[in-house]
Amino acid sequence: MIVVSDTSSINYLTLMGLHELLPALFGEVVIPPTVARELAAGATIHPAIGATLKSEWLLVRNLVGTGLPEDAPQLPRRADCSTHRPADRGFGISRQSKDHQQRAQVRRRIDP
């Protein structure tokens, strides 16, 4: 079986110290060059990602012509996020968190 991974899977498993699950489950994992570049950029902040990137079980392969996702039509480089609130993109504090904070402040005033 060929297993192709994206950046997030390898990145977060590495940061949690669980990156060895991938070779234990699948033997070898293939990543496209784009994913390798993204991981290399993350390695400047987290050296463990760089060590994972050099692992023998992680194979960088061009997926063009294989029918796998990288062969799909390319999406625009940057998605239009104008219709999303900042919380939808994972930035800032969500509305629910703000409401929770406001209720907590009111409770502190009422129940000192």
N, C-alpha and C. Protein backbone atom coordinates (compact mmCIF):
# COMPACT_ATOMS: atom_id res chain seq x y z
N MET A 1 0.83 -1.17 0.00
CA MET A 1 0.00 0.00 0.00
C MET A 1 0.89 1.24 0.00
N ILE A 2 0.51 2.23 -0.83
CA ILE A 2 1.22 3.50 -0.87
C ILE A 2 0.47 4.48 0.01
N VAL A 3 1.17 5.08 0.94
CA VAL A 3 0.56 6.08 1.82
C VAL A 3 1.20 7.42 1.50
N VAL A 4 0.35 8.39 1.18
CA VAL A 4 0.81 9.75 0.89
C VAL A 4 0.29 10.64 2.01
N SER A 5 1.17 11.47 2.54
CA SER A 5 0.80 12.32 3.67
C SER A 5 0.87 13.79 3.29
N ASP A 6 0.10 14.58 4.04
CA ASP A 6 0.21 16.02 3.91
C ASP A 6 1.11 16.55 5.03
N THR A 7 1.30 17.84 5.06
CA THR A 7 2.19 18.45 6.03
C THR A 7 1.68 18.30 7.47
N SER A 8 0.39 18.54 7.66
CA SER A 8 -0.17 18.56 9.02
C SER A 8 0.05 17.26 9.77
N SER A 9 -0.20 16.15 9.11
CA SER A 9 -0.06 14.85 9.79
C SER A 9 1.34 14.66 10.33
N ILE A 10 2.32 14.87 9.50
CA ILE A 10 3.71 14.66 9.92
C ILE A 10 4.13 15.71 10.94
N ASN A 11 3.74 16.94 10.69
CA ASN A 11 4.10 18.05 11.57
C ASN A 11 3.60 17.81 12.99
N TYR A 12 2.31 17.56 13.14
CA TYR A 12 1.74 17.44 14.48
C TYR A 12 2.14 16.14 15.17
N LEU A 13 2.24 15.05 14.43
CA LEU A 13 2.72 13.82 15.06
C LEU A 13 4.14 13.99 15.57
N THR A 14 4.96 14.70 14.81
CA THR A 14 6.34 14.96 15.24
C THR A 14 6.36 15.83 16.50
N LEU A 15 5.57 16.89 16.50
CA LEU A 15 5.56 17.79 17.66
C LEU A 15 5.04 17.09 18.92
N MET A 16 4.19 16.09 18.74
CA MET A 16 3.69 15.33 19.89
C MET A 16 4.60 14.15 20.24
N GLY A 17 5.66 13.95 19.45
CA GLY A 17 6.57 12.84 19.70
C GLY A 17 6.02 11.50 19.24
N LEU A 18 5.06 11.53 18.32
CA LEU A 18 4.41 10.30 17.87
C LEU A 18 4.68 9.99 16.40
N HIS A 19 5.68 10.63 15.82
CA HIS A 19 5.96 10.46 14.39
C HIS A 19 6.34 9.02 14.02
N GLU A 20 6.82 8.25 14.96
CA GLU A 20 7.19 6.86 14.67
C GLU A 20 5.98 5.95 14.46
N LEU A 21 4.78 6.48 14.73
CA LEU A 21 3.57 5.72 14.43
C LEU A 21 3.44 5.47 12.92
N LEU A 22 3.84 6.45 12.14
CA LEU A 22 3.68 6.32 10.68
C LEU A 22 4.47 5.15 10.11
N PRO A 23 5.77 5.02 10.37
CA PRO A 23 6.47 3.86 9.83
C PRO A 23 6.02 2.55 10.48
N ALA A 24 5.59 2.62 11.74
CA ALA A 24 5.11 1.40 12.40
C ALA A 24 3.83 0.89 11.73
N LEU A 25 2.98 1.81 11.29
CA LEU A 25 1.72 1.42 10.66
C LEU A 25 1.85 1.15 9.16
N PHE A 26 2.68 1.95 8.48
CA PHE A 26 2.68 1.91 7.02
C PHE A 26 4.02 1.54 6.39
N GLY A 27 5.07 1.44 7.17
CA GLY A 27 6.39 1.17 6.60
C GLY A 27 7.00 2.43 6.02
N GLU A 28 6.62 2.77 4.81
CA GLU A 28 7.11 3.99 4.18
C GLU A 28 5.95 4.96 3.95
N VAL A 29 6.26 6.24 4.03
CA VAL A 29 5.27 7.28 3.78
C VAL A 29 5.83 8.19 2.69
N VAL A 30 5.02 8.47 1.69
CA VAL A 30 5.43 9.32 0.58
C VAL A 30 4.87 10.72 0.80
N ILE A 31 5.71 11.72 0.54
CA ILE A 31 5.26 13.11 0.56
C ILE A 31 5.70 13.78 -0.73
N PRO A 32 4.88 14.68 -1.25
CA PRO A 32 5.29 15.43 -2.43
C PRO A 32 6.32 16.49 -2.06
N PRO A 33 7.08 16.99 -3.03
CA PRO A 33 8.09 18.02 -2.76
C PRO A 33 7.53 19.25 -2.05
N THR A 34 6.30 19.62 -2.35
CA THR A 34 5.69 20.77 -1.68
C THR A 34 5.61 20.54 -0.18
N VAL A 35 5.22 19.36 0.22
CA VAL A 35 5.13 19.02 1.65
C VAL A 35 6.53 19.03 2.27
N ALA A 36 7.51 18.51 1.55
CA ALA A 36 8.88 18.52 2.06
C ALA A 36 9.36 19.95 2.30
N ARG A 37 9.03 20.86 1.39
CA ARG A 37 9.42 22.27 1.57
C ARG A 37 8.72 22.88 2.78
N GLU A 38 7.44 22.58 2.96
CA GLU A 38 6.71 23.10 4.11
C GLU A 38 7.28 22.57 5.42
N LEU A 39 7.62 21.30 5.44
CA LEU A 39 8.22 20.72 6.64
C LEU A 39 9.60 21.34 6.91
N ALA A 40 10.37 21.55 5.86
CA ALA A 40 11.69 22.17 6.02
C ALA A 40 11.57 23.57 6.61
N ALA A 41 10.54 24.29 6.19
CA ALA A 41 10.32 25.63 6.75
C ALA A 41 9.98 25.52 8.24
N GLY A 42 9.19 24.53 8.62
CA GLY A 42 8.85 24.33 10.03
C GLY A 42 10.03 23.88 10.86
N ALA A 43 10.99 23.23 10.21
CA ALA A 43 12.18 22.73 10.92
C ALA A 43 13.04 23.87 11.45
N THR A 44 12.91 25.05 10.87
CA THR A 44 13.68 26.20 11.38
C THR A 44 13.20 26.60 12.76
N ILE A 45 11.95 26.28 13.07
CA ILE A 45 11.39 26.61 14.38
C ILE A 45 11.45 25.40 15.32
N HIS A 46 11.16 24.22 14.77
CA HIS A 46 11.14 22.99 15.55
C HIS A 46 12.11 21.98 14.93
N PRO A 47 13.32 21.86 15.46
CA PRO A 47 14.33 20.96 14.89
C PRO A 47 13.88 19.51 14.76
N ALA A 48 12.94 19.07 15.60
CA ALA A 48 12.47 17.69 15.51
C ALA A 48 11.82 17.42 14.15
N ILE A 49 11.22 18.42 13.56
CA ILE A 49 10.61 18.26 12.23
C ILE A 49 11.70 17.99 11.20
N GLY A 50 12.82 18.67 11.34
CA GLY A 50 13.94 18.43 10.43
C GLY A 50 14.47 17.02 10.54
N ALA A 51 14.52 16.50 11.78
CA ALA A 51 14.98 15.12 11.98
C ALA A 51 14.00 14.14 11.35
N THR A 52 12.72 14.40 11.48
CA THR A 52 11.71 13.53 10.86
C THR A 52 11.83 13.58 9.35
N LEU A 53 12.07 14.75 8.82
CA LEU A 53 12.21 14.92 7.37
C LEU A 53 13.37 14.10 6.81
N LYS A 54 14.38 13.84 7.61
CA LYS A 54 15.54 13.05 7.18
C LYS A 54 15.37 11.55 7.42
N SER A 55 14.22 11.15 7.95
CA SER A 55 13.99 9.74 8.26
C SER A 55 13.97 8.89 7.00
N GLU A 56 14.48 7.67 7.11
CA GLU A 56 14.53 6.74 5.97
C GLU A 56 13.14 6.34 5.49
N TRP A 57 12.18 6.33 6.37
CA TRP A 57 10.83 5.90 6.02
C TRP A 57 10.02 6.97 5.30
N LEU A 58 10.52 8.20 5.29
CA LEU A 58 9.82 9.31 4.64
C LEU A 58 10.41 9.56 3.26
N LEU A 59 9.64 9.31 2.22
CA LEU A 59 10.12 9.40 0.85
C LEU A 59 9.51 10.61 0.14
N VAL A 60 10.36 11.45 -0.41
CA VAL A 60 9.88 12.60 -1.18
C VAL A 60 9.79 12.16 -2.64
N ARG A 61 8.57 12.23 -3.18
CA ARG A 61 8.34 11.80 -4.56
C ARG A 61 7.43 12.80 -5.27
N ASN A 62 7.70 13.02 -6.54
CA ASN A 62 6.84 13.85 -7.37
C ASN A 62 5.59 13.04 -7.71
N LEU A 63 4.42 13.56 -7.44
CA LEU A 63 3.18 12.82 -7.65
C LEU A 63 2.49 13.15 -8.98
N VAL A 64 3.07 14.03 -9.76
CA VAL A 64 2.47 14.40 -11.04
C VAL A 64 2.45 13.18 -11.96
N GLY A 65 1.29 12.93 -12.56
CA GLY A 65 1.15 11.81 -13.47
C GLY A 65 0.74 10.52 -12.79
N THR A 66 0.55 10.56 -11.48
CA THR A 66 0.19 9.35 -10.75
C THR A 66 -1.31 9.23 -10.52
N GLY A 67 -2.03 10.32 -10.77
CA GLY A 67 -3.46 10.33 -10.49
C GLY A 67 -3.75 10.65 -9.03
N LEU A 68 -2.70 10.88 -8.25
CA LEU A 68 -2.87 11.25 -6.85
C LEU A 68 -3.11 12.75 -6.74
N PRO A 69 -3.51 13.25 -5.59
CA PRO A 69 -3.97 14.63 -5.46
C PRO A 69 -3.10 15.72 -6.05
N GLU A 70 -1.79 15.60 -6.02
CA GLU A 70 -0.96 16.67 -6.56
C GLU A 70 -1.12 16.79 -8.07
N ASP A 71 -1.68 15.77 -8.69
CA ASP A 71 -1.92 15.78 -10.13
C ASP A 71 -3.22 16.53 -10.46
N ALA A 72 -3.99 16.86 -9.44
CA ALA A 72 -5.26 17.55 -9.63
C ALA A 72 -5.02 18.99 -10.07
N PRO A 73 -6.03 19.62 -10.66
CA PRO A 73 -5.86 21.03 -11.05
C PRO A 73 -5.46 21.86 -9.84
N GLN A 74 -4.58 22.81 -10.06
CA GLN A 74 -4.07 23.64 -8.97
C GLN A 74 -5.11 24.66 -8.55
N LEU A 75 -5.24 24.86 -7.26
CA LEU A 75 -6.11 25.88 -6.71
C LEU A 75 -5.36 27.19 -6.67
N PRO A 76 -6.06 28.30 -6.56
CA PRO A 76 -5.35 29.58 -6.42
C PRO A 76 -4.42 29.54 -5.22
N ARG A 77 -3.33 30.24 -5.30
CA ARG A 77 -2.32 30.23 -4.25
C ARG A 77 -2.89 30.67 -2.91
N ARG A 78 -3.78 31.65 -2.93
CA ARG A 78 -4.36 32.16 -1.70
C ARG A 78 -5.88 32.17 -1.83
N ALA A 79 -6.55 31.53 -0.92
CA ALA A 79 -8.01 31.48 -0.96
C ALA A 79 -8.59 32.80 -0.50
N ASP A 80 -9.75 33.13 -1.01
CA ASP A 80 -10.45 34.34 -0.59
C ASP A 80 -11.09 34.08 0.75
N CYS A 81 -10.60 34.74 1.78
CA CYS A 81 -11.10 34.52 3.13
C CYS A 81 -12.01 35.66 3.58
N SER A 82 -12.41 36.53 2.65
CA SER A 82 -13.17 37.72 3.03
C SER A 82 -14.52 37.38 3.63
N THR A 83 -15.07 36.21 3.36
CA THR A 83 -16.37 35.85 3.90
C THR A 83 -16.27 35.17 5.25
N HIS A 84 -15.06 34.90 5.72
CA HIS A 84 -14.88 34.19 6.99
C HIS A 84 -14.52 35.15 8.10
N ARG A 85 -15.05 34.86 9.28
CA ARG A 85 -14.64 35.62 10.46
C ARG A 85 -13.26 35.14 10.88
N PRO A 86 -12.49 35.98 11.60
CA PRO A 86 -11.17 35.54 12.05
C PRO A 86 -11.20 34.24 12.83
N ALA A 87 -12.24 34.00 13.63
CA ALA A 87 -12.32 32.76 14.41
C ALA A 87 -12.44 31.55 13.49
N ASP A 88 -13.06 31.74 12.31
CA ASP A 88 -13.21 30.64 11.37
C ASP A 88 -11.86 30.21 10.81
N ARG A 89 -10.89 31.11 10.78
CA ARG A 89 -9.57 30.79 10.25
C ARG A 89 -8.60 30.41 11.35
N GLY A 90 -9.07 30.36 12.57
CA GLY A 90 -8.21 29.94 13.67
C GLY A 90 -7.40 31.06 14.28
N PHE A 91 -7.73 32.31 13.95
CA PHE A 91 -6.99 33.44 14.51
C PHE A 91 -7.84 34.13 15.56
N GLY A 92 -7.20 34.68 16.56
CA GLY A 92 -7.91 35.47 17.55
C GLY A 92 -8.77 34.63 18.47
N ILE A 93 -9.67 35.30 19.13
CA ILE A 93 -10.54 34.65 20.09
C ILE A 93 -11.92 34.50 19.46
N SER A 94 -12.49 33.34 19.57
CA SER A 94 -13.81 33.11 18.98
C SER A 94 -14.87 33.87 19.75
N ARG A 95 -16.01 34.08 19.12
CA ARG A 95 -17.13 34.78 19.76
C ARG A 95 -17.55 34.06 21.04
N GLN A 96 -17.58 32.74 21.00
CA GLN A 96 -17.97 31.97 22.16
C GLN A 96 -17.01 32.22 23.32
N SER A 97 -15.72 32.30 23.04
CA SER A 97 -14.74 32.56 24.10
C SER A 97 -14.93 33.95 24.69
N LYS A 98 -15.22 34.93 23.83
CA LYS A 98 -15.46 36.29 24.32
C LYS A 98 -16.68 36.32 25.23
N ASP A 99 -17.75 35.64 24.82
CA ASP A 99 -18.96 35.58 25.65
C ASP A 99 -18.65 34.93 26.99
N HIS A 100 -17.88 33.86 26.97
CA HIS A 100 -17.51 33.16 28.20
C HIS A 100 -16.72 34.09 29.11
N GLN A 101 -15.80 34.85 28.55
CA GLN A 101 -15.00 35.79 29.35
C GLN A 101 -15.88 36.87 29.96
N GLN A 102 -16.84 37.37 29.19
CA GLN A 102 -17.72 38.41 29.70
C GLN A 102 -18.59 37.87 30.83
N ARG A 103 -19.12 36.65 30.69
CA ARG A 103 -19.92 36.06 31.76
C ARG A 103 -19.08 35.86 33.02
N ALA A 104 -17.83 35.46 32.84
CA ALA A 104 -16.95 35.26 33.99
C ALA A 104 -16.69 36.58 34.71
N GLN A 105 -16.53 37.66 33.96
CA GLN A 105 -16.32 38.97 34.58
C GLN A 105 -17.55 39.40 35.38
N VAL A 106 -18.74 39.16 34.82
CA VAL A 106 -19.98 39.51 35.52
C VAL A 106 -20.10 38.69 36.80
N ARG A 107 -19.79 37.39 36.73
CA ARG A 107 -19.87 36.54 37.93
C ARG A 107 -18.91 37.02 39.01
N ARG A 108 -17.72 37.46 38.61
CA ARG A 108 -16.76 37.94 39.62
C ARG A 108 -17.28 39.19 40.32
N ARG A 109 -18.01 40.01 39.57
CA ARG A 109 -18.59 41.21 40.18
C ARG A 109 -19.73 40.85 41.11
N ILE A 110 -20.51 39.85 40.75
CA ILE A 110 -21.65 39.45 41.56
C ILE A 110 -21.23 38.61 42.75
N ASP A 111 -20.35 37.63 42.52
CA ASP A 111 -19.90 36.71 43.57
C ASP A 111 -18.42 36.94 43.86
N PRO A 112 -18.09 37.95 44.66
CA PRO A 112 -16.65 38.21 44.92
C PRO A 112 -16.00 37.12 45.72
